[in-house]
Amino acid sequence: MGFVKKIIKIKIKIKIKIKIIYNILVLYKMYTITPYTYKKAKQLGVVVKPSTNKTKKIDVVKKGKRIASVGAYGMNDFPTYIRKKGLTYAKTRRRLYKMRHERDRHVKWSRGWLADKLLW
């Protein structure tokens, strides 16, 4: 019976290690900037790059200088919702995002404004 308990403990430890490795891989997976965001960036006259801040999706660069990191990593945005759930659902999420961020999305060149223009 002692042998079986040891095997069970080893299996539990292996499962825990696998879960930790999985969480690390998911956490450090880079956000893929969508064509929608590149198009919006071009309209604004800025360049977007994957963020150097691990909690953000993109860095916004203007005239060679990073002006902001926007988009909470792990949260979806308009093009992601379109890809995952369809246009109708994405439009609903965009409407709710704009309502929720009404206070911080109108100051031009602020992080909220940039996120609104580039991701939504």
Protein backbone atom coordinates (compact mmCIF):
# COMPACT_ATOMS: atom_id res chain seq x y z
CA MET A 1 0.00 0.00 0.00
CA GLY A 2 2.90 2.40 0.66
CA PHE A 3 4.12 1.96 -2.91
CA VAL A 4 0.73 3.02 -4.33
CA LYS A 5 0.69 6.16 -2.15
CA LYS A 6 4.16 7.12 -3.42
CA ILE A 7 3.01 6.74 -7.03
CA ILE A 8 -0.07 8.87 -6.35
CA LYS A 9 2.11 11.59 -4.75
CA ILE A 10 4.46 11.54 -7.75
CA LYS A 11 1.50 11.85 -10.16
CA ILE A 12 0.15 14.82 -8.19
CA LYS A 13 3.57 16.53 -8.26
CA ILE A 14 3.83 15.97 -12.01
CA LYS A 15 0.35 17.44 -12.57
CA ILE A 16 1.28 20.50 -10.51
CA LYS A 17 4.50 21.00 -12.48
CA ILE A 18 2.65 20.66 -15.79
CA LYS A 19 0.09 23.24 -14.64
CA ILE A 20 2.87 25.68 -13.66
CA ILE A 21 4.62 25.26 -17.02
CA TYR A 22 1.34 25.74 -18.88
CA ASN A 23 0.59 28.95 -16.94
CA ILE A 24 4.06 30.30 -17.71
CA LEU A 25 3.65 29.59 -21.43
CA VAL A 26 0.21 31.21 -21.54
CA LEU A 27 1.42 34.25 -19.60
CA TYR A 28 4.36 34.94 -21.90
CA LYS A 29 2.59 34.33 -25.20
CA MET A 30 2.89 37.55 -27.18
CA TYR A 31 -0.19 39.32 -28.49
CA THR A 32 -0.45 39.22 -32.27
CA ILE A 33 -1.19 42.68 -33.61
CA THR A 34 -4.07 42.48 -36.09
CA PRO A 35 -4.32 44.09 -39.53
CA TYR A 36 -7.21 46.17 -38.11
CA THR A 37 -4.85 47.74 -35.55
CA TYR A 38 -2.10 48.33 -38.14
CA LYS A 39 -4.64 50.09 -40.38
CA LYS A 40 -5.88 52.29 -37.53
CA ALA A 41 -2.29 53.12 -36.55
CA LYS A 42 -1.49 54.20 -40.08
CA GLN A 43 -4.55 56.50 -40.07
CA LEU A 44 -3.29 58.10 -36.83
CA GLY A 45 0.28 58.41 -38.10
CA VAL A 46 1.79 56.13 -35.47
CA VAL A 47 3.56 52.77 -35.47
CA VAL A 48 2.48 49.86 -33.28
CA LYS A 49 4.79 47.17 -31.95
CA PRO A 50 4.36 44.29 -29.49
CA SER A 51 4.65 45.77 -26.02
CA THR A 52 7.78 45.55 -23.93
CA ASN A 53 5.48 45.78 -20.89
CA LYS A 54 4.27 42.24 -20.17
CA THR A 55 0.90 43.53 -18.89
CA LYS A 56 0.12 45.41 -22.13
CA LYS A 57 -0.56 44.36 -25.74
CA ILE A 58 1.04 47.06 -27.85
CA ASP A 59 3.48 49.95 -27.71
CA VAL A 60 2.52 53.03 -29.68
CA VAL A 61 5.45 54.83 -31.31
CA LYS A 62 5.32 58.31 -32.81
CA LYS A 63 8.35 59.91 -34.49
CA GLY A 64 10.60 57.13 -33.16
CA LYS A 65 9.57 57.65 -29.52
CA ARG A 66 7.29 55.34 -27.57
CA ILE A 67 4.37 57.42 -26.38
CA ALA A 68 2.28 54.73 -24.67
CA SER A 69 1.68 51.07 -23.97
CA VAL A 70 -1.99 50.23 -24.40
CA GLY A 71 -4.38 47.31 -24.16
CA ALA A 72 -4.48 45.12 -21.10
CA TYR A 73 -2.84 41.80 -21.89
CA GLY A 74 -5.30 38.96 -21.48
CA MET A 75 -8.31 41.10 -22.38
CA ASN A 76 -9.92 40.83 -25.79
CA ASP A 77 -10.40 43.69 -28.23
CA PHE A 78 -12.65 44.35 -31.23
CA PRO A 79 -10.68 42.38 -33.87
CA THR A 80 -10.14 39.49 -31.45
CA TYR A 81 -13.87 39.31 -30.72
CA ILE A 82 -14.61 39.35 -34.46
CA ARG A 83 -12.27 36.41 -34.98
CA LYS A 84 -13.49 34.41 -31.97
CA LYS A 85 -17.22 35.15 -31.77
CA GLY A 86 -18.28 37.00 -34.91
CA LEU A 87 -19.05 40.58 -35.92
CA THR A 88 -22.39 40.94 -34.14
CA TYR A 89 -20.94 39.91 -30.79
CA ALA A 90 -17.86 42.10 -31.38
CA LYS A 91 -20.03 45.16 -32.03
CA THR A 92 -21.88 44.55 -28.77
CA ARG A 93 -18.59 44.28 -26.88
CA ARG A 94 -17.32 47.47 -28.55
CA ARG A 95 -20.46 49.37 -27.53
CA LEU A 96 -20.08 48.17 -23.94
CA TYR A 97 -16.34 49.02 -23.93
CA LYS A 98 -17.06 52.55 -25.11
CA MET A 99 -19.73 52.99 -22.43
CA ARG A 100 -17.44 51.63 -19.72
CA HIS A 101 -14.50 53.84 -20.76
CA GLU A 102 -16.47 56.99 -21.54
CA ARG A 103 -14.45 59.10 -19.10
CA ASP A 104 -10.97 58.14 -20.26
CA ARG A 105 -11.27 57.83 -24.03
CA HIS A 106 -11.72 61.45 -25.11
CA VAL A 107 -8.40 63.07 -24.12
CA LYS A 108 -6.42 63.06 -27.36
CA TRP A 109 -3.17 61.00 -27.29
CA SER A 110 -3.90 59.62 -23.81
CA ARG A 111 -3.61 55.86 -23.31
CA GLY A 112 -7.39 55.54 -23.15
CA TRP A 113 -7.83 57.49 -26.38
CA LEU A 114 -5.15 55.43 -28.14
CA ALA A 115 -6.65 52.14 -26.95
CA ASP A 116 -10.07 53.28 -28.13
CA LYS A 117 -8.77 54.31 -31.56
CA LEU A 118 -6.41 51.37 -32.13
CA LEU A 119 -8.15 48.41 -30.51
CA TRP A 120 -11.83 49.28 -30.71
